[in-house]
Amino acid sequence: MVIDLLAERMNVPVKRSECRSLSGRGRIGETVVELAKPQTFMNLSGEAVKCLAAGENRSVDNLIVISDDLAIPYGTLRLRGKGSHGGQNGLRSIIDNLRTQEFKRLRIGIGPEHPVADASRFVLERFSSSEEMLLGKMLASAADAVEDVILKGLDAAMAKWNTSPASTENE
């Protein structure tokens, strides 16, 4: 959903088939940006990311992975320059395939206020009505955070976005 919002902002279709992903190219500021949405199962997303990162004029140094994270409260954004997968299977696959934990990532909190018995089922369910009310703002904040990483650098973006849930950020 964040990639779709960035694509809309950039007026770029994300439809080109490449590396088991849908991709598109545009600009954020003066920087050429490639947006990609792996079309694999999440547990295999690392295969798509590895293929994309291996392309000409591409580097893991410029990669920003966007993922949901059940361990983070709903609406909270966490930017990092490296780190473990934290139990998130998509990140685990990417780390295993790239053979490094050193890539930028934006983790978007989807954790509920109550314990979840079946995480696989939970992440495929529709958002609750209260979550749905905050979803647009959360996605906009996530897209803003990605743009800030590209335009201002990771440290500045982390200082701005790693502070509070998207529901209260920048009000």
N, C-alpha and C. Protein backbone atom coordinates (compact mmCIF):
# COMPACT_ATOMS: atom_id res chain seq x y z
N MET A 1 0.83 -1.20 0.00
CA MET A 1 0.00 0.00 0.00
C MET A 1 0.87 1.26 0.00
N VAL A 2 2.02 1.19 0.68
CA VAL A 2 2.93 2.35 0.69
C VAL A 2 3.53 2.56 -0.70
N ILE A 3 3.90 1.46 -1.35
CA ILE A 3 4.45 1.58 -2.72
C ILE A 3 3.38 2.17 -3.64
N ASP A 4 2.15 1.74 -3.51
CA ASP A 4 1.07 2.29 -4.33
C ASP A 4 0.92 3.80 -4.10
N LEU A 5 1.02 4.23 -2.85
CA LEU A 5 0.91 5.65 -2.55
C LEU A 5 2.09 6.44 -3.11
N LEU A 6 3.30 5.90 -2.97
CA LEU A 6 4.48 6.56 -3.55
C LEU A 6 4.35 6.64 -5.07
N ALA A 7 3.89 5.57 -5.68
CA ALA A 7 3.70 5.56 -7.14
C ALA A 7 2.69 6.61 -7.56
N GLU A 8 1.62 6.74 -6.79
CA GLU A 8 0.60 7.77 -7.08
C GLU A 8 1.20 9.16 -6.97
N ARG A 9 1.97 9.40 -5.91
CA ARG A 9 2.61 10.71 -5.72
C ARG A 9 3.58 11.02 -6.86
N MET A 10 4.28 9.99 -7.33
CA MET A 10 5.29 10.17 -8.38
C MET A 10 4.67 10.11 -9.78
N ASN A 11 3.39 9.75 -9.84
CA ASN A 11 2.69 9.57 -11.11
C ASN A 11 3.40 8.53 -11.99
N VAL A 12 3.69 7.38 -11.36
CA VAL A 12 4.43 6.31 -12.01
C VAL A 12 3.63 5.01 -11.90
N PRO A 13 3.42 4.32 -13.01
CA PRO A 13 2.78 3.01 -12.90
C PRO A 13 3.78 1.98 -12.36
N VAL A 14 3.31 1.09 -11.52
CA VAL A 14 4.14 0.00 -11.01
C VAL A 14 3.55 -1.28 -11.60
N LYS A 15 3.89 -1.51 -12.89
CA LYS A 15 3.28 -2.60 -13.63
C LYS A 15 4.29 -3.44 -14.41
N ARG A 16 5.53 -2.95 -14.55
CA ARG A 16 6.53 -3.69 -15.31
C ARG A 16 6.89 -4.96 -14.54
N SER A 17 6.87 -6.10 -15.21
CA SER A 17 7.20 -7.36 -14.58
C SER A 17 8.71 -7.58 -14.63
N GLU A 18 9.31 -7.75 -13.45
CA GLU A 18 10.75 -7.94 -13.34
C GLU A 18 11.05 -8.68 -12.05
N CYS A 19 11.83 -9.74 -12.16
CA CYS A 19 12.29 -10.46 -10.95
C CYS A 19 11.14 -10.88 -10.05
N ARG A 20 10.08 -11.41 -10.64
CA ARG A 20 8.92 -11.84 -9.87
C ARG A 20 8.35 -10.69 -9.04
N SER A 21 8.42 -9.50 -9.60
CA SER A 21 7.91 -8.28 -8.96
C SER A 21 7.23 -7.42 -10.00
N LEU A 22 6.42 -6.50 -9.52
CA LEU A 22 5.91 -5.41 -10.35
C LEU A 22 6.74 -4.20 -9.99
N SER A 23 7.21 -3.46 -10.99
CA SER A 23 8.09 -2.34 -10.70
C SER A 23 7.77 -1.15 -11.58
N GLY A 24 8.31 -0.02 -11.17
CA GLY A 24 8.16 1.23 -11.91
C GLY A 24 9.27 2.17 -11.50
N ARG A 25 9.58 3.12 -12.37
CA ARG A 25 10.68 4.04 -12.11
C ARG A 25 10.20 5.48 -12.25
N GLY A 26 10.65 6.30 -11.30
CA GLY A 26 10.31 7.72 -11.32
C GLY A 26 11.33 8.50 -10.52
N ARG A 27 10.93 9.67 -10.04
CA ARG A 27 11.85 10.53 -9.28
C ARG A 27 11.19 10.99 -7.98
N ILE A 28 12.04 11.05 -6.97
CA ILE A 28 11.71 11.75 -5.74
C ILE A 28 12.77 12.82 -5.64
N GLY A 29 12.36 14.07 -5.79
CA GLY A 29 13.33 15.15 -5.91
C GLY A 29 14.15 14.91 -7.17
N GLU A 30 15.45 14.95 -7.05
CA GLU A 30 16.33 14.71 -8.19
C GLU A 30 16.80 13.25 -8.27
N THR A 31 16.34 12.43 -7.36
CA THR A 31 16.81 11.05 -7.28
C THR A 31 15.90 10.12 -8.06
N VAL A 32 16.49 9.32 -8.95
CA VAL A 32 15.74 8.29 -9.66
C VAL A 32 15.47 7.16 -8.67
N VAL A 33 14.21 6.77 -8.61
CA VAL A 33 13.75 5.78 -7.65
C VAL A 33 13.05 4.66 -8.39
N GLU A 34 13.37 3.44 -8.01
CA GLU A 34 12.66 2.29 -8.54
C GLU A 34 11.78 1.73 -7.43
N LEU A 35 10.51 1.63 -7.71
CA LEU A 35 9.56 1.06 -6.78
C LEU A 35 9.31 -0.39 -7.20
N ALA A 36 9.24 -1.29 -6.26
CA ALA A 36 9.01 -2.70 -6.59
C ALA A 36 8.11 -3.33 -5.55
N LYS A 37 7.21 -4.19 -6.05
CA LYS A 37 6.32 -4.96 -5.19
C LYS A 37 6.50 -6.43 -5.54
N PRO A 38 7.27 -7.16 -4.72
CA PRO A 38 7.43 -8.59 -4.99
C PRO A 38 6.06 -9.27 -5.08
N GLN A 39 5.95 -10.20 -6.02
CA GLN A 39 4.70 -10.93 -6.20
C GLN A 39 4.83 -12.36 -5.70
N THR A 40 5.85 -12.62 -4.92
CA THR A 40 6.05 -13.93 -4.31
C THR A 40 5.27 -13.98 -3.00
N PHE A 41 5.23 -15.14 -2.39
CA PHE A 41 4.77 -15.20 -1.02
C PHE A 41 5.76 -14.42 -0.17
N MET A 42 5.30 -13.85 0.93
CA MET A 42 6.17 -13.04 1.77
C MET A 42 7.43 -13.82 2.17
N ASN A 43 7.28 -15.10 2.49
CA ASN A 43 8.41 -15.92 2.92
C ASN A 43 9.47 -16.08 1.84
N LEU A 44 9.13 -15.75 0.60
CA LEU A 44 10.06 -15.86 -0.53
C LEU A 44 10.43 -14.51 -1.11
N SER A 45 10.04 -13.44 -0.46
CA SER A 45 10.28 -12.10 -1.03
C SER A 45 11.76 -11.80 -1.20
N GLY A 46 12.61 -12.44 -0.42
CA GLY A 46 14.05 -12.24 -0.56
C GLY A 46 14.58 -12.64 -1.92
N GLU A 47 13.95 -13.64 -2.55
CA GLU A 47 14.37 -14.05 -3.90
C GLU A 47 14.16 -12.90 -4.88
N ALA A 48 13.02 -12.25 -4.80
CA ALA A 48 12.73 -11.12 -5.68
C ALA A 48 13.66 -9.95 -5.39
N VAL A 49 13.87 -9.66 -4.12
CA VAL A 49 14.74 -8.53 -3.73
C VAL A 49 16.17 -8.78 -4.19
N LYS A 50 16.66 -10.00 -4.02
CA LYS A 50 18.02 -10.33 -4.45
C LYS A 50 18.18 -10.13 -5.96
N CYS A 51 17.22 -10.59 -6.72
CA CYS A 51 17.25 -10.42 -8.17
C CYS A 51 17.23 -8.94 -8.55
N LEU A 52 16.36 -8.18 -7.92
CA LEU A 52 16.27 -6.75 -8.20
C LEU A 52 17.56 -6.03 -7.83
N ALA A 53 18.12 -6.35 -6.67
CA ALA A 53 19.34 -5.68 -6.20
C ALA A 53 20.54 -6.00 -7.08
N ALA A 54 20.49 -7.14 -7.78
CA ALA A 54 21.61 -7.54 -8.63
C ALA A 54 21.59 -6.85 -9.99
N GLY A 55 20.55 -6.08 -10.27
CA GLY A 55 20.43 -5.41 -11.56
C GLY A 55 21.50 -4.34 -11.76
N GLU A 56 21.69 -4.00 -13.00
CA GLU A 56 22.68 -2.98 -13.37
C GLU A 56 22.36 -1.65 -12.69
N ASN A 57 23.38 -0.97 -12.19
CA ASN A 57 23.26 0.32 -11.51
C ASN A 57 22.40 0.26 -10.24
N ARG A 58 22.36 -0.91 -9.62
CA ARG A 58 21.61 -1.06 -8.38
C ARG A 58 22.56 -1.53 -7.29
N SER A 59 22.19 -1.23 -6.05
CA SER A 59 23.03 -1.60 -4.92
C SER A 59 22.16 -1.79 -3.68
N VAL A 60 22.55 -2.74 -2.84
CA VAL A 60 21.86 -2.94 -1.57
C VAL A 60 21.97 -1.67 -0.73
N ASP A 61 23.03 -0.88 -0.94
CA ASP A 61 23.20 0.37 -0.19
C ASP A 61 22.04 1.34 -0.42
N ASN A 62 21.38 1.23 -1.57
CA ASN A 62 20.28 2.14 -1.90
C ASN A 62 18.90 1.52 -1.65
N LEU A 63 18.87 0.31 -1.17
CA LEU A 63 17.64 -0.42 -0.95
C LEU A 63 16.92 0.10 0.30
N ILE A 64 15.61 0.27 0.19
CA ILE A 64 14.76 0.54 1.36
C ILE A 64 13.64 -0.49 1.32
N VAL A 65 13.62 -1.38 2.28
CA VAL A 65 12.59 -2.40 2.38
C VAL A 65 11.48 -1.86 3.27
N ILE A 66 10.25 -2.03 2.84
CA ILE A 66 9.09 -1.61 3.62
C ILE A 66 8.34 -2.88 4.02
N SER A 67 8.11 -3.04 5.31
CA SER A 67 7.39 -4.23 5.77
C SER A 67 6.47 -3.89 6.92
N ASP A 68 5.43 -4.71 7.06
CA ASP A 68 4.59 -4.59 8.24
C ASP A 68 5.28 -5.33 9.37
N ASP A 69 4.89 -5.03 10.60
CA ASP A 69 5.52 -5.69 11.74
C ASP A 69 4.51 -5.85 12.86
N LEU A 70 4.19 -7.08 13.15
CA LEU A 70 3.21 -7.42 14.18
C LEU A 70 3.71 -7.11 15.58
N ALA A 71 5.03 -7.03 15.75
CA ALA A 71 5.62 -6.79 17.08
C ALA A 71 5.65 -5.31 17.46
N ILE A 72 5.24 -4.45 16.54
CA ILE A 72 5.25 -3.01 16.78
C ILE A 72 3.80 -2.53 16.85
N PRO A 73 3.47 -1.67 17.81
CA PRO A 73 2.09 -1.19 17.94
C PRO A 73 1.58 -0.55 16.65
N TYR A 74 0.31 -0.75 16.40
CA TYR A 74 -0.34 -0.24 15.20
C TYR A 74 -0.05 1.26 15.02
N GLY A 75 0.40 1.61 13.82
CA GLY A 75 0.64 3.01 13.47
C GLY A 75 2.03 3.51 13.77
N THR A 76 2.85 2.72 14.46
CA THR A 76 4.20 3.15 14.79
C THR A 76 5.14 2.84 13.63
N LEU A 77 5.99 3.78 13.28
CA LEU A 77 6.97 3.59 12.22
C LEU A 77 8.35 3.43 12.85
N ARG A 78 9.16 2.52 12.30
CA ARG A 78 10.52 2.33 12.77
C ARG A 78 11.45 2.23 11.56
N LEU A 79 12.31 3.21 11.41
CA LEU A 79 13.34 3.20 10.38
C LEU A 79 14.63 2.68 11.00
N ARG A 80 15.36 1.85 10.26
CA ARG A 80 16.65 1.35 10.70
C ARG A 80 17.57 1.21 9.48
N GLY A 81 18.85 1.28 9.73
CA GLY A 81 19.84 1.10 8.68
C GLY A 81 20.33 -0.33 8.58
N LYS A 82 20.05 -1.11 9.62
CA LYS A 82 20.42 -2.52 9.65
C LYS A 82 19.73 -3.15 10.83
N GLY A 83 19.80 -4.46 10.90
CA GLY A 83 19.21 -5.15 12.04
C GLY A 83 18.75 -6.54 11.68
N SER A 84 18.25 -7.24 12.68
CA SER A 84 17.78 -8.61 12.48
C SER A 84 16.38 -8.59 11.86
N HIS A 85 15.87 -9.76 11.60
CA HIS A 85 14.52 -9.88 11.04
C HIS A 85 13.45 -9.73 12.11
N GLY A 86 13.79 -9.89 13.36
CA GLY A 86 12.84 -9.73 14.45
C GLY A 86 11.64 -10.65 14.36
N GLY A 87 11.81 -11.80 13.72
CA GLY A 87 10.71 -12.74 13.58
C GLY A 87 9.82 -12.49 12.37
N GLN A 88 10.09 -11.45 11.61
CA GLN A 88 9.27 -11.13 10.44
C GLN A 88 9.81 -11.96 9.27
N ASN A 89 8.97 -12.85 8.72
CA ASN A 89 9.42 -13.81 7.71
C ASN A 89 9.88 -13.18 6.40
N GLY A 90 9.28 -12.08 6.02
CA GLY A 90 9.73 -11.40 4.80
C GLY A 90 11.13 -10.86 4.97
N LEU A 91 11.39 -10.20 6.10
CA LEU A 91 12.74 -9.70 6.38
C LEU A 91 13.73 -10.84 6.51
N ARG A 92 13.32 -11.94 7.11
CA ARG A 92 14.19 -13.11 7.24
C ARG A 92 14.61 -13.59 5.85
N SER A 93 13.67 -13.68 4.94
CA SER A 93 13.96 -14.12 3.57
C SER A 93 14.91 -13.16 2.86
N ILE A 94 14.70 -11.87 3.05
CA ILE A 94 15.57 -10.87 2.41
C ILE A 94 16.98 -10.97 2.98
N ILE A 95 17.11 -11.05 4.30
CA ILE A 95 18.43 -11.18 4.93
C ILE A 95 19.13 -12.45 4.46
N ASP A 96 18.41 -13.56 4.42
CA ASP A 96 19.00 -14.82 3.97
C ASP A 96 19.47 -14.74 2.52
N ASN A 97 18.67 -14.13 1.66
CA ASN A 97 19.02 -14.05 0.24
C ASN A 97 20.11 -13.03 -0.05
N LEU A 98 20.10 -11.91 0.64
CA LEU A 98 21.13 -10.89 0.42
C LEU A 98 22.41 -11.19 1.19
N ARG A 99 22.30 -12.09 2.17
CA ARG A 99 23.42 -12.46 3.05
C ARG A 99 23.98 -11.25 3.79
N THR A 100 23.09 -10.37 4.16
CA THR A 100 23.46 -9.21 4.97
C THR A 100 22.22 -8.70 5.69
N GLN A 101 22.45 -8.11 6.85
CA GLN A 101 21.39 -7.42 7.59
C GLN A 101 21.50 -5.92 7.39
N GLU A 102 22.48 -5.51 6.61
CA GLU A 102 22.78 -4.09 6.45
C GLU A 102 22.08 -3.52 5.22
N PHE A 103 20.83 -3.22 5.40
CA PHE A 103 20.03 -2.50 4.41
C PHE A 103 18.98 -1.71 5.16
N LYS A 104 18.59 -0.59 4.58
CA LYS A 104 17.59 0.28 5.20
C LYS A 104 16.24 -0.43 5.17
N ARG A 105 15.49 -0.21 6.25
CA ARG A 105 14.15 -0.76 6.28
C ARG A 105 13.22 0.15 7.06
N LEU A 106 11.98 0.17 6.61
CA LEU A 106 10.90 0.86 7.31
C LEU A 106 9.93 -0.21 7.75
N ARG A 107 9.80 -0.37 9.05
CA ARG A 107 8.86 -1.32 9.62
C ARG A 107 7.62 -0.54 10.06
N ILE A 108 6.47 -0.99 9.63
CA ILE A 108 5.21 -0.33 9.93
C ILE A 108 4.44 -1.21 10.91
N GLY A 109 4.19 -0.66 12.09
CA GLY A 109 3.52 -1.42 13.14
C GLY A 109 2.07 -1.72 12.81
N ILE A 110 1.73 -3.01 12.89
CA ILE A 110 0.33 -3.43 12.71
C ILE A 110 -0.14 -4.21 13.94
N GLY A 111 0.66 -4.17 15.01
CA GLY A 111 0.34 -4.93 16.21
C GLY A 111 -0.92 -4.44 16.89
N PRO A 112 -1.80 -5.36 17.26
CA PRO A 112 -3.03 -4.98 17.97
C PRO A 112 -2.74 -4.78 19.45
N GLU A 113 -3.73 -4.28 20.16
CA GLU A 113 -3.59 -4.06 21.60
C GLU A 113 -3.81 -5.35 22.39
N HIS A 114 -4.15 -6.43 21.72
CA HIS A 114 -4.41 -7.71 22.38
C HIS A 114 -3.49 -8.78 21.80
N PRO A 115 -3.25 -9.87 22.53
CA PRO A 115 -2.41 -10.95 22.00
C PRO A 115 -3.06 -11.60 20.77
N VAL A 116 -2.22 -12.09 19.88
CA VAL A 116 -2.70 -12.74 18.66
C VAL A 116 -2.33 -14.22 18.72
N ALA A 117 -3.33 -15.09 18.60
CA ALA A 117 -3.09 -16.53 18.67
C ALA A 117 -2.48 -17.07 17.37
N ASP A 118 -2.95 -16.57 16.23
CA ASP A 118 -2.49 -17.07 14.93
C ASP A 118 -2.01 -15.88 14.09
N ALA A 119 -0.71 -15.62 14.13
CA ALA A 119 -0.15 -14.46 13.44
C ALA A 119 -0.39 -14.51 11.94
N SER A 120 -0.25 -15.70 11.33
CA SER A 120 -0.45 -15.83 9.88
C SER A 120 -1.86 -15.42 9.48
N ARG A 121 -2.82 -15.84 10.26
CA ARG A 121 -4.22 -15.49 9.98
C ARG A 121 -4.46 -14.00 10.22
N PHE A 122 -3.89 -13.48 11.31
CA PHE A 122 -4.10 -12.08 11.67
C PHE A 122 -3.64 -11.14 10.56
N VAL A 123 -2.45 -11.37 10.00
CA VAL A 123 -1.91 -10.43 9.00
C VAL A 123 -2.70 -10.46 7.70
N LEU A 124 -3.51 -11.50 7.48
CA LEU A 124 -4.31 -11.58 6.26
C LEU A 124 -5.73 -11.05 6.46
N GLU A 125 -6.10 -10.77 7.70
CA GLU A 125 -7.44 -10.26 7.98
C GLU A 125 -7.57 -8.79 7.57
N ARG A 126 -8.80 -8.37 7.40
CA ARG A 126 -9.08 -6.97 7.12
C ARG A 126 -8.78 -6.15 8.38
N PHE A 127 -8.49 -4.87 8.17
CA PHE A 127 -8.27 -3.98 9.31
C PHE A 127 -9.58 -3.79 10.05
N SER A 128 -9.49 -3.60 11.36
CA SER A 128 -10.69 -3.29 12.15
C SER A 128 -11.15 -1.88 11.78
N SER A 129 -12.35 -1.52 12.21
CA SER A 129 -12.87 -0.19 11.87
C SER A 129 -12.01 0.90 12.50
N SER A 130 -11.52 0.69 13.72
CA SER A 130 -10.66 1.71 14.34
C SER A 130 -9.31 1.80 13.63
N GLU A 131 -8.78 0.66 13.19
CA GLU A 131 -7.52 0.67 12.44
C GLU A 131 -7.71 1.32 11.07
N GLU A 132 -8.83 1.03 10.45
CA GLU A 132 -9.14 1.59 9.14
C GLU A 132 -9.18 3.12 9.18
N MET A 133 -9.66 3.66 10.30
CA MET A 133 -9.73 5.12 10.45
C MET A 133 -8.34 5.75 10.44
N LEU A 134 -7.34 5.03 10.93
CA LEU A 134 -5.98 5.56 11.00
C LEU A 134 -5.12 5.14 9.80
N LEU A 135 -5.62 4.23 8.97
CA LEU A 135 -4.81 3.65 7.91
C LEU A 135 -4.27 4.68 6.92
N GLY A 136 -5.11 5.58 6.45
CA GLY A 136 -4.68 6.59 5.48
C GLY A 136 -3.55 7.45 6.02
N LYS A 137 -3.68 7.88 7.25
CA LYS A 137 -2.64 8.69 7.87
C LYS A 137 -1.36 7.89 8.07
N MET A 138 -1.50 6.63 8.47
CA MET A 138 -0.33 5.77 8.67
C MET A 138 0.40 5.57 7.35
N LEU A 139 -0.32 5.30 6.28
CA LEU A 139 0.31 5.10 4.97
C LEU A 139 0.98 6.38 4.48
N ALA A 140 0.31 7.51 4.68
CA ALA A 140 0.90 8.80 4.27
C ALA A 140 2.18 9.08 5.05
N SER A 141 2.17 8.78 6.35
CA SER A 141 3.37 8.98 7.16
C SER A 141 4.49 8.05 6.69
N ALA A 142 4.16 6.82 6.37
CA ALA A 142 5.17 5.87 5.89
C ALA A 142 5.77 6.34 4.56
N ALA A 143 4.92 6.82 3.65
CA ALA A 143 5.43 7.33 2.37
C ALA A 143 6.29 8.57 2.60
N ASP A 144 5.86 9.45 3.51
CA ASP A 144 6.66 10.63 3.86
C ASP A 144 8.03 10.21 4.41
N ALA A 145 8.04 9.18 5.25
CA ALA A 145 9.29 8.70 5.84
C ALA A 145 10.24 8.19 4.76
N VAL A 146 9.72 7.44 3.80
CA VAL A 146 10.56 6.95 2.69
C VAL A 146 11.12 8.13 1.90
N GLU A 147 10.27 9.10 1.61
CA GLU A 147 10.74 10.28 0.88
C GLU A 147 11.82 11.02 1.67
N ASP A 148 11.65 11.11 2.99
CA ASP A 148 12.65 11.77 3.82
C ASP A 148 13.99 11.03 3.80
N VAL A 149 13.95 9.69 3.81
CA VAL A 149 15.20 8.92 3.70
C VAL A 149 15.92 9.29 2.41
N ILE A 150 15.17 9.38 1.32
CA ILE A 150 15.77 9.66 0.01
C ILE A 150 16.24 11.10 -0.09
N LEU A 151 15.46 12.04 0.42
CA LEU A 151 15.78 13.46 0.25
C LEU A 151 16.71 14.02 1.33
N LYS A 152 16.60 13.49 2.57
CA LYS A 152 17.34 14.08 3.70
C LYS A 152 18.33 13.14 4.34
N GLY A 153 18.27 11.85 3.99
CA GLY A 153 19.17 10.87 4.57
C GLY A 153 18.50 10.09 5.70
N LEU A 154 19.08 8.93 5.97
CA LEU A 154 18.50 8.03 6.97
C LEU A 154 18.50 8.63 8.37
N ASP A 155 19.61 9.23 8.79
CA ASP A 155 19.68 9.76 10.16
C ASP A 155 18.62 10.81 10.42
N ALA A 156 18.44 11.74 9.49
CA ALA A 156 17.42 12.79 9.66
C ALA A 156 16.02 12.18 9.67
N ALA A 157 15.79 11.21 8.80
CA ALA A 157 14.48 10.57 8.75
C ALA A 157 14.21 9.78 10.03
N MET A 158 15.23 9.08 10.55
CA MET A 158 15.04 8.34 11.79
C MET A 158 14.72 9.28 12.94
N ALA A 159 15.41 10.41 13.00
CA ALA A 159 15.16 11.38 14.08
C ALA A 159 13.72 11.90 14.04
N LYS A 160 13.18 12.02 12.86
CA LYS A 160 11.82 12.54 12.71
C LYS A 160 10.75 11.47 12.94
N TRP A 161 10.96 10.28 12.38
CA TRP A 161 9.88 9.29 12.31
C TRP A 161 9.94 8.20 13.36
N ASN A 162 11.03 8.02 14.07
CA ASN A 162 11.11 6.96 15.07
C ASN A 162 10.67 7.44 16.45
N THR A 163 9.72 8.34 16.50
CA THR A 163 9.34 8.92 17.77
C THR A 163 7.99 8.47 18.31
N SER A 164 6.98 8.37 17.46
CA SER A 164 5.65 8.04 17.98
C SER A 164 4.81 7.43 16.89
N PRO A 165 3.66 6.86 17.26
CA PRO A 165 2.77 6.26 16.25
C PRO A 165 2.34 7.30 15.21
N ALA A 166 2.09 6.80 14.00
CA ALA A 166 1.67 7.67 12.91
C ALA A 166 0.37 8.39 13.24
N SER A 167 -0.43 7.83 14.14
CA SER A 167 -1.72 8.44 14.49
C SER A 167 -1.53 9.79 15.19
N THR A 168 -0.35 10.03 15.77
CA THR A 168 -0.13 11.31 16.45
C THR A 168 1.01 12.10 15.85
N GLU A 169 1.73 11.54 14.90
CA GLU A 169 2.90 12.18 14.31
C GLU A 169 2.51 13.41 13.52
N ASN A 170 3.27 14.45 13.69
CA ASN A 170 3.17 15.68 12.88
C ASN A 170 1.81 16.34 12.90
N GLU A 171 1.11 16.26 14.00
CA GLU A 171 -0.19 16.93 14.08
C GLU A 171 0.01 18.38 14.49
